[in-house]
Amino acid sequence: MASSITLTMAFRQDPSYWALDDISVTLSTGGPNLVQNPGFETGSLTGYYAFCNPSSSSASGSVSSGNAHSGTYCYYDGSVGNPDYLSQTMAAIPNNYYTISFWLWNQGGPTNSATVIISG
């Protein structure tokens, strides 16, 4: 029996930025990465990620060709006042443990938050 999980990340950074790269969701026993376009190397969120900026915050997130941990691209977000949300839904096998990892660079700023939510 297959089901799905959704990985959602919320970012707020006043007045600087977060850089996100190399997202991975794998079975804890190993196996392939379930995240599609985990390093943003297509240069776009389209077709892989749902992006939401519900408060129309300035400096909202996008794919950037600077600040990548590996490869050329990363997700770059400096949402001011309220968070942006980035999510992806993927197939999962019930009753298993998963390992989630990612590279995240906080580039400073006194008011910032990064939240990771897993739902299924």
PDB file of N, CA and C in Angstrom:
ATOM      1  N   MET A   1       0.838  -1.169   0.000  1.00  0.00           N
ATOM      2  CA  MET A   1       0.000   0.000   0.000  1.00  0.00           C
ATOM      3  C   MET A   1       0.891   1.243   0.000  1.00  0.00           C
ATOM      4  N   ALA A   2       0.731   2.090  -0.974  1.00  0.00           N
ATOM      5  CA  ALA A   2       1.526   3.310  -1.071  1.00  0.00           C
ATOM      6  C   ALA A   2       0.712   4.506  -0.609  1.00  0.00           C
ATOM      7  N   SER A   3       1.376   5.497  -0.077  1.00  0.00           N
ATOM      8  CA  SER A   3       0.740   6.749   0.290  1.00  0.00           C
ATOM      9  C   SER A   3       1.716   7.874  -0.037  1.00  0.00           C
ATOM     10  N   SER A   4       1.479   9.044   0.498  1.00  0.00           N
ATOM     11  CA  SER A   4       2.386  10.155   0.213  1.00  0.00           C
ATOM     12  C   SER A   4       2.663  10.958   1.477  1.00  0.00           C
ATOM     13  N   ILE A   5       3.759  11.683   1.429  1.00  0.00           N
ATOM     14  CA  ILE A   5       4.111  12.637   2.469  1.00  0.00           C
ATOM     15  C   ILE A   5       4.401  13.968   1.788  1.00  0.00           C
ATOM     16  N   THR A   6       4.180  15.037   2.527  1.00  0.00           N
ATOM     17  CA  THR A   6       4.492  16.365   2.015  1.00  0.00           C
ATOM     18  C   THR A   6       5.527  16.997   2.934  1.00  0.00           C
ATOM     19  N   LEU A   7       6.606  17.456   2.335  1.00  0.00           N
ATOM     20  CA  LEU A   7       7.651  18.182   3.038  1.00  0.00           C
ATOM     21  C   LEU A   7       7.417  19.661   2.754  1.00  0.00           C
ATOM     22  N   THR A   8       7.186  20.443   3.808  1.00  0.00           N
ATOM     23  CA  THR A   8       6.956  21.884   3.671  1.00  0.00           C
ATOM     24  C   THR A   8       8.000  22.622   4.491  1.00  0.00           C
ATOM     25  N   MET A   9       8.572  23.649   3.896  1.00  0.00           N
ATOM     26  CA  MET A   9       9.538  24.490   4.591  1.00  0.00           C
ATOM     27  C   MET A   9       9.044  25.926   4.521  1.00  0.00           C
ATOM     28  N   ALA A  10       9.086  26.612   5.659  1.00  0.00           N
ATOM     29  CA  ALA A  10       8.652  28.003   5.737  1.00  0.00           C
ATOM     30  C   ALA A  10       9.842  28.869   6.125  1.00  0.00           C
ATOM     31  N   PHE A  11      10.033  29.978   5.419  1.00  0.00           N
ATOM     32  CA  PHE A  11      11.187  30.845   5.644  1.00  0.00           C
ATOM     33  C   PHE A  11      10.776  32.302   5.814  1.00  0.00           C
ATOM     34  N   ARG A  12      11.376  32.930   6.801  1.00  0.00           N
ATOM     35  CA  ARG A  12      11.270  34.377   6.988  1.00  0.00           C
ATOM     36  C   ARG A  12      12.650  34.875   7.368  1.00  0.00           C
ATOM     37  N   GLN A  13      13.085  35.984   6.786  1.00  0.00           N
ATOM     38  CA  GLN A  13      14.415  36.510   7.077  1.00  0.00           C
ATOM     39  C   GLN A  13      14.396  38.029   6.907  1.00  0.00           C
ATOM     40  N   ASP A  14      14.345  38.759   8.007  1.00  0.00           N
ATOM     41  CA  ASP A  14      14.355  40.230   7.979  1.00  0.00           C
ATOM     42  C   ASP A  14      15.688  40.713   8.535  1.00  0.00           C
ATOM     43  N   PRO A  15      16.526  41.327   7.834  1.00  0.00           N
ATOM     44  CA  PRO A  15      16.463  41.782   6.452  1.00  0.00           C
ATOM     45  C   PRO A  15      17.417  41.024   5.535  1.00  0.00           C
ATOM     46  N   SER A  16      17.823  39.827   5.883  1.00  0.00           N
ATOM     47  CA  SER A  16      18.801  39.099   5.080  1.00  0.00           C
ATOM     48  C   SER A  16      18.132  37.951   4.336  1.00  0.00           C
ATOM     49  N   TYR A  17      18.877  36.841   4.107  1.00  0.00           N
ATOM     50  CA  TYR A  17      18.374  35.736   3.289  1.00  0.00           C
ATOM     51  C   TYR A  17      18.768  34.385   3.870  1.00  0.00           C
ATOM     52  N   TRP A  18      17.999  33.380   3.480  1.00  0.00           N
ATOM     53  CA  TRP A  18      18.324  31.972   3.677  1.00  0.00           C
ATOM     54  C   TRP A  18      18.728  31.410   2.322  1.00  0.00           C
ATOM     55  N   ALA A  19      19.668  30.481   2.299  1.00  0.00           N
ATOM     56  CA  ALA A  19      19.992  29.718   1.091  1.00  0.00           C
ATOM     57  C   ALA A  19      19.763  28.247   1.432  1.00  0.00           C
ATOM     58  N   LEU A  20      18.935  27.566   0.637  1.00  0.00           N
ATOM     59  CA  LEU A  20      18.564  26.159   0.856  1.00  0.00           C
ATOM     60  C   LEU A  20      19.041  25.340  -0.332  1.00  0.00           C
ATOM     61  N   ASP A  21      19.640  24.185  -0.062  1.00  0.00           N
ATOM     62  CA  ASP A  21      20.141  23.332  -1.139  1.00  0.00           C
ATOM     63  C   ASP A  21      20.194  21.880  -0.649  1.00  0.00           C
ATOM     64  N   ASP A  22      20.313  20.977  -1.582  1.00  0.00           N
ATOM     65  CA  ASP A  22      20.590  19.556  -1.305  1.00  0.00           C
ATOM     66  C   ASP A  22      19.584  18.907  -0.352  1.00  0.00           C
ATOM     67  N   ILE A  23      18.293  19.034  -0.667  1.00  0.00           N
ATOM     68  CA  ILE A  23      17.246  18.421   0.141  1.00  0.00           C
ATOM     69  C   ILE A  23      17.213  16.914  -0.133  1.00  0.00           C
ATOM     70  N   SER A  24      17.071  16.128   0.919  1.00  0.00           N
ATOM     71  CA  SER A  24      17.024  14.681   0.758  1.00  0.00           C
ATOM     72  C   SER A  24      15.993  14.066   1.706  1.00  0.00           C
ATOM     73  N   VAL A  25      15.168  13.170   1.162  1.00  0.00           N
ATOM     74  CA  VAL A  25      14.255  12.343   1.959  1.00  0.00           C
ATOM     75  C   VAL A  25      14.469  10.914   1.475  1.00  0.00           C
ATOM     76  N   THR A  26      14.976  10.074   2.353  1.00  0.00           N
ATOM     77  CA  THR A  26      15.249   8.676   2.001  1.00  0.00           C
ATOM     78  C   THR A  26      14.727   7.767   3.101  1.00  0.00           C
ATOM     79  N   LEU A  27      14.483   6.505   2.751  1.00  0.00           N
ATOM     80  CA  LEU A  27      14.191   5.505   3.779  1.00  0.00           C
ATOM     81  C   LEU A  27      15.385   5.458   4.722  1.00  0.00           C
ATOM     82  N   SER A  28      15.135   5.281   6.008  1.00  0.00           N
ATOM     83  CA  SER A  28      16.243   5.261   6.966  1.00  0.00           C
ATOM     84  C   SER A  28      17.201   4.105   6.704  1.00  0.00           C
ATOM     85  N   THR A  29      16.738   3.089   5.982  1.00  0.00           N
ATOM     86  CA  THR A  29      17.602   1.958   5.631  1.00  0.00           C
ATOM     87  C   THR A  29      18.375   2.207   4.337  1.00  0.00           C
ATOM     88  N   GLY A  30      18.172   3.382   3.733  1.00  0.00           N
ATOM     89  CA  GLY A  30      18.866   3.728   2.490  1.00  0.00           C
ATOM     90  C   GLY A  30      17.913   3.729   1.313  1.00  0.00           C
ATOM     91  N   GLY A  31      18.460   3.974   0.156  1.00  0.00           N
ATOM     92  CA  GLY A  31      17.652   3.999  -1.048  1.00  0.00           C
ATOM     93  C   GLY A  31      17.715   5.356  -1.727  1.00  0.00           C
ATOM     94  N   PRO A  32      16.953   5.508  -2.790  1.00  0.00           N
ATOM     95  CA  PRO A  32      17.020   6.744  -3.572  1.00  0.00           C
ATOM     96  C   PRO A  32      16.376   7.935  -2.847  1.00  0.00           C
ATOM     97  N   ASN A  33      16.800   9.117  -3.230  1.00  0.00           N
ATOM     98  CA  ASN A  33      16.209  10.349  -2.719  1.00  0.00           C
ATOM     99  C   ASN A  33      14.810  10.487  -3.319  1.00  0.00           C
ATOM    100  N   LEU A  34      13.811  10.701  -2.482  1.00  0.00           N
ATOM    101  CA  LEU A  34      12.438  10.832  -2.956  1.00  0.00           C
ATOM    102  C   LEU A  34      12.119  12.240  -3.464  1.00  0.00           C
ATOM    103  N   VAL A  35      12.958  13.206  -3.141  1.00  0.00           N
ATOM    104  CA  VAL A  35      12.749  14.595  -3.556  1.00  0.00           C
ATOM    105  C   VAL A  35      13.174  14.756  -5.009  1.00  0.00           C
ATOM    106  N   GLN A  36      12.311  15.364  -5.800  1.00  0.00           N
ATOM    107  CA  GLN A  36      12.656  15.667  -7.183  1.00  0.00           C
ATOM    108  C   GLN A  36      13.249  17.068  -7.247  1.00  0.00           C
ATOM    109  N   ASN A  37      14.291  17.234  -8.041  1.00  0.00           N
ATOM    110  CA  ASN A  37      15.008  18.501  -8.170  1.00  0.00           C
ATOM    111  C   ASN A  37      15.515  18.978  -6.802  1.00  0.00           C
ATOM    112  N   PRO A  38      16.216  18.097  -6.059  1.00  0.00           N
ATOM    113  CA  PRO A  38      16.610  18.410  -4.687  1.00  0.00           C
ATOM    114  C   PRO A  38      17.637  19.527  -4.561  1.00  0.00           C
ATOM    115  N   GLY A  39      18.379  19.793  -5.626  1.00  0.00           N
ATOM    116  CA  GLY A  39      19.386  20.856  -5.609  1.00  0.00           C
ATOM    117  C   GLY A  39      18.987  22.041  -6.466  1.00  0.00           C
ATOM    118  N   PHE A  40      17.725  22.060  -6.930  1.00  0.00           N
ATOM    119  CA  PHE A  40      17.183  23.164  -7.727  1.00  0.00           C
ATOM    120  C   PHE A  40      17.939  23.363  -9.041  1.00  0.00           C
ATOM    121  N   GLU A  41      18.573  22.299  -9.530  1.00  0.00           N
ATOM    122  CA  GLU A  41      19.435  22.408 -10.707  1.00  0.00           C
ATOM    123  C   GLU A  41      18.685  22.602 -12.020  1.00  0.00           C
ATOM    124  N   THR A  42      17.356  22.503 -12.006  1.00  0.00           N
ATOM    125  CA  THR A  42      16.621  22.850 -13.223  1.00  0.00           C
ATOM    126  C   THR A  42      16.549  24.367 -13.381  1.00  0.00           C
ATOM    127  N   GLY A  43      16.910  25.097 -12.314  1.00  0.00           N
ATOM    128  CA  GLY A  43      16.856  26.550 -12.349  1.00  0.00           C
ATOM    129  C   GLY A  43      15.461  27.103 -12.108  1.00  0.00           C
ATOM    130  N   SER A  44      14.523  26.234 -11.711  1.00  0.00           N
ATOM    131  CA  SER A  44      13.140  26.650 -11.535  1.00  0.00           C
ATOM    132  C   SER A  44      12.456  25.789 -10.471  1.00  0.00           C
ATOM    133  N   LEU A  45      11.419  26.347  -9.854  1.00  0.00           N
ATOM    134  CA  LEU A  45      10.583  25.573  -8.935  1.00  0.00           C
ATOM    135  C   LEU A  45       9.480  24.850  -9.687  1.00  0.00           C
ATOM    136  N   THR A  46       9.146  25.332 -10.881  1.00  0.00           N
ATOM    137  CA  THR A  46       8.018  24.840 -11.672  1.00  0.00           C
ATOM    138  C   THR A  46       8.127  23.346 -11.939  1.00  0.00           C
ATOM    139  N   GLY A  47       7.021  22.644 -11.679  1.00  0.00           N
ATOM    140  CA  GLY A  47       6.942  21.220 -11.943  1.00  0.00           C
ATOM    141  C   GLY A  47       7.428  20.347 -10.805  1.00  0.00           C
ATOM    142  N   TYR A  48       8.057  20.951  -9.787  1.00  0.00           N
ATOM    143  CA  TYR A  48       8.601  20.165  -8.689  1.00  0.00           C
ATOM    144  C   TYR A  48       8.110  20.642  -7.328  1.00  0.00           C
ATOM    145  N   TYR A  49       8.039  21.934  -7.146  1.00  0.00           N
ATOM    146  CA  TYR A  49       7.707  22.510  -5.840  1.00  0.00           C
ATOM    147  C   TYR A  49       6.473  23.395  -5.941  1.00  0.00           C
ATOM    148  N   ALA A  50       5.707  23.431  -4.860  1.00  0.00           N
ATOM    149  CA  ALA A  50       4.634  24.410  -4.721  1.00  0.00           C
ATOM    150  C   ALA A  50       5.208  25.550  -3.893  1.00  0.00           C
ATOM    151  N   PHE A  51       5.048  26.768  -4.366  1.00  0.00           N
ATOM    152  CA  PHE A  51       5.533  27.949  -3.669  1.00  0.00           C
ATOM    153  C   PHE A  51       4.337  28.800  -3.271  1.00  0.00           C
ATOM    154  N   CYS A  52       4.343  29.294  -2.036  1.00  0.00           N
ATOM    155  CA  CYS A  52       3.239  30.129  -1.569  1.00  0.00           C
ATOM    156  C   CYS A  52       3.792  31.304  -0.772  1.00  0.00           C
ATOM    157  N   ASN A  53       3.371  32.491  -1.138  1.00  0.00           N
ATOM    158  CA  ASN A  53       3.701  33.720  -0.429  1.00  0.00           C
ATOM    159  C   ASN A  53       2.365  34.348  -0.034  1.00  0.00           C
ATOM    160  N   PRO A  54       1.694  33.785   1.000  1.00  0.00           N
ATOM    161  CA  PRO A  54       0.309  34.161   1.296  1.00  0.00           C
ATOM    162  C   PRO A  54       0.116  35.607   1.732  1.00  0.00           C
ATOM    163  N   SER A  55       1.146  36.257   2.244  1.00  0.00           N
ATOM    164  CA  SER A  55       1.016  37.631   2.718  1.00  0.00           C
ATOM    165  C   SER A  55       1.620  38.639   1.752  1.00  0.00           C
ATOM    166  N   SER A  56       1.981  38.175   0.551  1.00  0.00           N
ATOM    167  CA  SER A  56       2.636  39.033  -0.444  1.00  0.00           C
ATOM    168  C   SER A  56       3.851  39.742   0.143  1.00  0.00           C
ATOM    169  N   SER A  57       4.637  39.004   0.924  1.00  0.00           N
ATOM    170  CA  SER A  57       5.829  39.554   1.556  1.00  0.00           C
ATOM    171  C   SER A  57       6.862  39.927   0.508  1.00  0.00           C
ATOM    172  N   SER A  58       7.593  40.994   0.785  1.00  0.00           N
ATOM    173  CA  SER A  58       8.661  41.384  -0.135  1.00  0.00           C
ATOM    174  C   SER A  58       9.845  40.437   0.015  1.00  0.00           C
ATOM    175  N   ALA A  59      10.734  40.436  -0.957  1.00  0.00           N
ATOM    176  CA  ALA A  59      11.925  39.575  -0.999  1.00  0.00           C
ATOM    177  C   ALA A  59      11.556  38.098  -0.910  1.00  0.00           C
ATOM    178  N   SER A  60      10.478  37.723  -1.588  1.00  0.00           N
ATOM    179  CA  SER A  60      10.026  36.336  -1.541  1.00  0.00           C
ATOM    180  C   SER A  60      11.022  35.408  -2.220  1.00  0.00           C
ATOM    181  N   GLY A  61      10.880  34.119  -1.969  1.00  0.00           N
ATOM    182  CA  GLY A  61      11.838  33.127  -2.420  1.00  0.00           C
ATOM    183  C   GLY A  61      11.826  32.867  -3.914  1.00  0.00           C
ATOM    184  N   SER A  62      12.991  32.443  -4.407  1.00  0.00           N
ATOM    185  CA  SER A  62      13.146  32.075  -5.811  1.00  0.00           C
ATOM    186  C   SER A  62      14.408  31.225  -5.951  1.00  0.00           C
ATOM    187  N   VAL A  63      14.579  30.638  -7.107  1.00  0.00           N
ATOM    188  CA  VAL A  63      15.802  29.888  -7.394  1.00  0.00           C
ATOM    189  C   VAL A  63      16.870  30.897  -7.797  1.00  0.00           C
ATOM    190  N   SER A  64      18.056  30.712  -7.260  1.00  0.00           N
ATOM    191  CA  SER A  64      19.151  31.658  -7.487  1.00  0.00           C
ATOM    192  C   SER A  64      20.396  30.929  -7.964  1.00  0.00           C
ATOM    193  N   SER A  65      21.173  31.576  -8.801  1.00  0.00           N
ATOM    194  CA  SER A  65      22.415  30.970  -9.282  1.00  0.00           C
ATOM    195  C   SER A  65      23.605  31.320  -8.391  1.00  0.00           C
ATOM    196  N   GLY A  66      23.368  31.967  -7.278  1.00  0.00           N
ATOM    197  CA  GLY A  66      24.431  32.252  -6.320  1.00  0.00           C
ATOM    198  C   GLY A  66      24.161  31.544  -5.015  1.00  0.00           C
ATOM    199  N   ASN A  67      25.166  31.389  -4.193  1.00  0.00           N
ATOM    200  CA  ASN A  67      25.049  30.853  -2.836  1.00  0.00           C
ATOM    201  C   ASN A  67      24.732  29.371  -2.738  1.00  0.00           C
ATOM    202  N   ALA A  68      24.869  28.618  -3.814  1.00  0.00           N
ATOM    203  CA  ALA A  68      24.588  27.176  -3.775  1.00  0.00           C
ATOM    204  C   ALA A  68      25.629  26.448  -2.931  1.00  0.00           C
ATOM    205  N   HIS A  69      25.190  25.401  -2.265  1.00  0.00           N
ATOM    206  CA  HIS A  69      26.099  24.530  -1.514  1.00  0.00           C
ATOM    207  C   HIS A  69      26.818  23.584  -2.466  1.00  0.00           C
ATOM    208  N   SER A  70      26.084  23.090  -3.450  1.00  0.00           N
ATOM    209  CA  SER A  70      26.655  22.245  -4.498  1.00  0.00           C
ATOM    210  C   SER A  70      25.932  22.580  -5.795  1.00  0.00           C
ATOM    211  N   GLY A  71      26.516  22.275  -6.901  1.00  0.00           N
ATOM    212  CA  GLY A  71      25.899  22.590  -8.178  1.00  0.00           C
ATOM    213  C   GLY A  71      25.885  24.088  -8.428  1.00  0.00           C
ATOM    214  N   THR A  72      24.934  24.533  -9.240  1.00  0.00           N
ATOM    215  CA  THR A  72      24.849  25.927  -9.648  1.00  0.00           C
ATOM    216  C   THR A  72      23.763  26.697  -8.927  1.00  0.00           C
ATOM    217  N   TYR A  73      22.649  26.038  -8.590  1.00  0.00           N
ATOM    218  CA  TYR A  73      21.485  26.740  -8.068  1.00  0.00           C
ATOM    219  C   TYR A  73      21.151  26.356  -6.631  1.00  0.00           C
ATOM    220  N   CYS A  74      20.390  27.245  -5.983  1.00  0.00           N
ATOM    221  CA  CYS A  74      19.818  26.987  -4.667  1.00  0.00           C
ATOM    222  C   CYS A  74      18.496  27.743  -4.590  1.00  0.00           C
ATOM    223  N   TYR A  75      17.729  27.475  -3.557  1.00  0.00           N
ATOM    224  CA  TYR A  75      16.534  28.262  -3.264  1.00  0.00           C
ATOM    225  C   TYR A  75      16.980  29.380  -2.345  1.00  0.00           C
ATOM    226  N   TYR A  76      16.609  30.613  -2.663  1.00  0.00           N
ATOM    227  CA  TYR A  76      17.082  31.797  -1.957  1.00  0.00           C
ATOM    228  C   TYR A  76      15.867  32.582  -1.487  1.00  0.00           C
ATOM    229  N   ASP A  77      15.736  32.793  -0.168  1.00  0.00           N
ATOM    230  CA  ASP A  77      14.528  33.415   0.367  1.00  0.00           C
ATOM    231  C   ASP A  77      14.865  34.429   1.445  1.00  0.00           C
ATOM    232  N   GLY A  78      14.292  35.611   1.320  1.00  0.00           N
ATOM    233  CA  GLY A  78      14.463  36.662   2.304  1.00  0.00           C
ATOM    234  C   GLY A  78      13.134  37.292   2.676  1.00  0.00           C
ATOM    235  N   SER A  79      12.087  36.501   2.693  1.00  0.00           N
ATOM    236  CA  SER A  79      10.729  36.996   2.944  1.00  0.00           C
ATOM    237  C   SER A  79      10.693  37.882   4.191  1.00  0.00           C
ATOM    238  N   VAL A  80      10.112  39.074   4.046  1.00  0.00           N
ATOM    239  CA  VAL A  80      10.069  40.063   5.114  1.00  0.00           C
ATOM    240  C   VAL A  80       8.669  40.119   5.723  1.00  0.00           C
ATOM    241  N   GLY A  81       8.594  40.091   7.051  1.00  0.00           N
ATOM    242  CA  GLY A  81       7.333  40.265   7.761  1.00  0.00           C
ATOM    243  C   GLY A  81       6.583  38.977   8.022  1.00  0.00           C
ATOM    244  N   ASN A  82       6.483  38.116   7.027  1.00  0.00           N
ATOM    245  CA  ASN A  82       5.786  36.834   7.137  1.00  0.00           C
ATOM    246  C   ASN A  82       6.533  35.800   6.305  1.00  0.00           C
ATOM    247  N   PRO A  83       6.371  34.524   6.627  1.00  0.00           N
ATOM    248  CA  PRO A  83       7.112  33.496   5.891  1.00  0.00           C
ATOM    249  C   PRO A  83       6.535  33.184   4.503  1.00  0.00           C
ATOM    250  N   ASP A  84       7.414  32.683   3.652  1.00  0.00           N
ATOM    251  CA  ASP A  84       7.050  32.020   2.398  1.00  0.00           C
ATOM    252  C   ASP A  84       7.029  30.531   2.692  1.00  0.00           C
ATOM    253  N   TYR A  85       6.337  29.767   1.841  1.00  0.00           N
ATOM    254  CA  TYR A  85       6.267  28.319   2.004  1.00  0.00           C
ATOM    255  C   TYR A  85       6.680  27.630   0.722  1.00  0.00           C
ATOM    256  N   LEU A  86       7.506  26.614   0.859  1.00  0.00           N
ATOM    257  CA  LEU A  86       7.963  25.803  -0.253  1.00  0.00           C
ATOM    258  C   LEU A  86       7.641  24.357   0.100  1.00  0.00           C
ATOM    259  N   SER A  87       6.951  23.626  -0.785  1.00  0.00           N
ATOM    260  CA  SER A  87       6.597  22.247  -0.443  1.00  0.00           C
ATOM    261  C   SER A  87       6.672  21.327  -1.651  1.00  0.00           C
ATOM    262  N   GLN A  88       6.797  20.051  -1.345  1.00  0.00           N
ATOM    263  CA  GLN A  88       6.787  19.005  -2.368  1.00  0.00           C
ATOM    264  C   GLN A  88       6.153  17.758  -1.759  1.00  0.00           C
ATOM    265  N   THR A  89       5.273  17.131  -2.522  1.00  0.00           N
ATOM    266  CA  THR A  89       4.639  15.886  -2.104  1.00  0.00           C
ATOM    267  C   THR A  89       5.294  14.736  -2.848  1.00  0.00           C
ATOM    268  N   MET A  90       5.563  13.658  -2.134  1.00  0.00           N
ATOM    269  CA  MET A  90       6.251  12.513  -2.733  1.00  0.00           C
ATOM    270  C   MET A  90       5.636  11.204  -2.237  1.00  0.00           C
ATOM    271  N   ALA A  91       5.818  10.167  -3.010  1.00  0.00           N
ATOM    272  CA  ALA A  91       5.325   8.840  -2.624  1.00  0.00           C
ATOM    273  C   ALA A  91       6.093   8.350  -1.412  1.00  0.00           C
ATOM    274  N   ALA A  92       5.387   7.647  -0.524  1.00  0.00           N
ATOM    275  CA  ALA A  92       6.010   7.084   0.668  1.00  0.00           C
ATOM    276  C   ALA A  92       5.397   5.726   0.958  1.00  0.00           C
ATOM    277  N   ILE A  93       6.127   4.931   1.693  1.00  0.00           N
ATOM    278  CA  ILE A  93       5.649   3.613   2.093  1.00  0.00           C
ATOM    279  C   ILE A  93       5.266   3.697   3.568  1.00  0.00           C
ATOM    280  N   PRO A  94       4.011   3.414   3.907  1.00  0.00           N
ATOM    281  CA  PRO A  94       3.578   3.503   5.312  1.00  0.00           C
ATOM    282  C   PRO A  94       4.397   2.610   6.232  1.00  0.00           C
ATOM    283  N   ASN A  95       4.444   2.996   7.497  1.00  0.00           N
ATOM    284  CA  ASN A  95       5.103   2.228   8.557  1.00  0.00           C
ATOM    285  C   ASN A  95       6.600   2.083   8.356  1.00  0.00           C
ATOM    286  N   ASN A  96       7.236   3.082   7.775  1.00  0.00           N
ATOM    287  CA  ASN A  96       8.680   3.111   7.618  1.00  0.00           C
ATOM    288  C   ASN A  96       9.219   4.401   8.211  1.00  0.00           C
ATOM    289  N   TYR A  97      10.505   4.394   8.511  1.00  0.00           N
ATOM    290  CA  TYR A  97      11.188   5.584   8.992  1.00  0.00           C
ATOM    291  C   TYR A  97      11.930   6.213   7.831  1.00  0.00           C
ATOM    292  N   TYR A  98      11.964   7.547   7.825  1.00  0.00           N
ATOM    293  CA  TYR A  98      12.632   8.292   6.771  1.00  0.00           C
ATOM    294  C   TYR A  98      13.668   9.229   7.375  1.00  0.00           C
ATOM    295  N   THR A  99      14.726   9.451   6.627  1.00  0.00           N
ATOM    296  CA  THR A  99      15.757  10.402   7.013  1.00  0.00           C
ATOM    297  C   THR A  99      15.617  11.628   6.129  1.00  0.00           C
ATOM    298  N   ILE A 100      15.531  12.784   6.757  1.00  0.00           N
ATOM    299  CA  ILE A 100      15.381  14.051   6.036  1.00  0.00           C
ATOM    300  C   ILE A 100      16.620  14.887   6.303  1.00  0.00           C
ATOM    301  N   SER A 101      17.219  15.399   5.242  1.00  0.00           N
ATOM    302  CA  SER A 101      18.381  16.265   5.410  1.00  0.00           C
ATOM    303  C   SER A 101      18.353  17.375   4.358  1.00  0.00           C
ATOM    304  N   PHE A 102      19.054  18.438   4.659  1.00  0.00           N
ATOM    305  CA  PHE A 102      19.163  19.566   3.741  1.00  0.00           C
ATOM    306  C   PHE A 102      20.291  20.464   4.228  1.00  0.00           C
ATOM    307  N   TRP A 103      20.785  21.294   3.317  1.00  0.00           N
ATOM    308  CA  TRP A 103      21.781  22.299   3.649  1.00  0.00           C
ATOM    309  C   TRP A 103      21.069  23.642   3.695  1.00  0.00           C
ATOM    310  N   LEU A 104      21.245  24.373   4.796  1.00  0.00           N
ATOM    311  CA  LEU A 104      20.577  25.657   4.968  1.00  0.00           C
ATOM    312  C   LEU A 104      21.577  26.659   5.530  1.00  0.00           C
ATOM    313  N   TRP A 105      21.723  27.792   4.857  1.00  0.00           N
ATOM    314  CA  TRP A 105      22.647  28.831   5.272  1.00  0.00           C
ATOM    315  C   TRP A 105      21.860  30.057   5.703  1.00  0.00           C
ATOM    316  N   ASN A 106      21.971  30.408   6.975  1.00  0.00           N
ATOM    317  CA  ASN A 106      21.355  31.618   7.513  1.00  0.00           C
ATOM    318  C   ASN A 106      22.350  32.755   7.308  1.00  0.00           C
ATOM    319  N   GLN A 107      21.992  33.730   6.477  1.00  0.00           N
ATOM    320  CA  GLN A 107      22.918  34.816   6.168  1.00  0.00           C
ATOM    321  C   GLN A 107      22.758  36.006   7.102  1.00  0.00           C
ATOM    322  N   GLY A 108      22.131  35.801   8.248  1.00  0.00           N
ATOM    323  CA  GLY A 108      22.048  36.837   9.275  1.00  0.00           C
ATOM    324  C   GLY A 108      20.705  37.508   9.338  1.00  0.00           C
ATOM    325  N   GLY A 109      20.606  38.480  10.194  1.00  0.00           N
ATOM    326  CA  GLY A 109      19.358  39.207  10.379  1.00  0.00           C
ATOM    327  C   GLY A 109      18.769  38.901  11.729  1.00  0.00           C
ATOM    328  N   PRO A 110      18.250  39.912  12.409  1.00  0.00           N
ATOM    329  CA  PRO A 110      17.756  39.707  13.769  1.00  0.00           C
ATOM    330  C   PRO A 110      16.410  38.999  13.856  1.00  0.00           C
ATOM    331  N   THR A 111      15.583  39.103  12.825  1.00  0.00           N
ATOM    332  CA  THR A 111      14.283  38.443  12.857  1.00  0.00           C
ATOM    333  C   THR A 111      14.255  37.404  11.761  1.00  0.00           C
ATOM    334  N   ASN A 112      14.388  36.138  12.134  1.00  0.00           N
ATOM    335  CA  ASN A 112      14.386  35.090  11.118  1.00  0.00           C
ATOM    336  C   ASN A 112      13.807  33.812  11.692  1.00  0.00           C
ATOM    337  N   SER A 113      13.258  33.001  10.776  1.00  0.00           N
ATOM    338  CA  SER A 113      12.748  31.696  11.178  1.00  0.00           C
ATOM    339  C   SER A 113      12.782  30.757   9.982  1.00  0.00           C
ATOM    340  N   ALA A 114      13.042  29.507  10.273  1.00  0.00           N
ATOM    341  CA  ALA A 114      12.979  28.436   9.284  1.00  0.00           C
ATOM    342  C   ALA A 114      12.265  27.271   9.955  1.00  0.00           C
ATOM    343  N   THR A 115      11.188  26.841   9.357  1.00  0.00           N
ATOM    344  CA  THR A 115      10.365  25.770   9.936  1.00  0.00           C
ATOM    345  C   THR A 115      10.218  24.643   8.921  1.00  0.00           C
ATOM    346  N   VAL A 116      10.375  23.409   9.364  1.00  0.00           N
ATOM    347  CA  VAL A 116      10.216  22.239   8.516  1.00  0.00           C
ATOM    348  C   VAL A 116       9.015  21.452   9.037  1.00  0.00           C
ATOM    349  N   ILE A 117       8.086  21.154   8.137  1.00  0.00           N
ATOM    350  CA  ILE A 117       6.863  20.434   8.507  1.00  0.00           C
ATOM    351  C   ILE A 117       6.743  19.202   7.623  1.00  0.00           C
ATOM    352  N   ILE A 118       6.501  18.052   8.231  1.00  0.00           N
ATOM    353  CA  ILE A 118       6.267  16.804   7.509  1.00  0.00           C
ATOM    354  C   ILE A 118       4.828  16.399   7.766  1.00  0.00           C
ATOM    355  N   SER A 119       4.085  16.161   6.702  1.00  0.00           N
ATOM    356  CA  SER A 119       2.697  15.729   6.873  1.00  0.00           C
ATOM    357  C   SER A 119       2.425  14.571   5.931  1.00  0.00           C
ATOM    358  N   GLY A 120       1.489  13.745   6.295  1.00  0.00           N
ATOM    359  CA  GLY A 120       1.201  12.599   5.473  1.00  0.00           C
ATOM    360  C   GLY A 120      -0.244  12.204   5.489  1.00  0.00           C
TER     361      GLY A 120
END
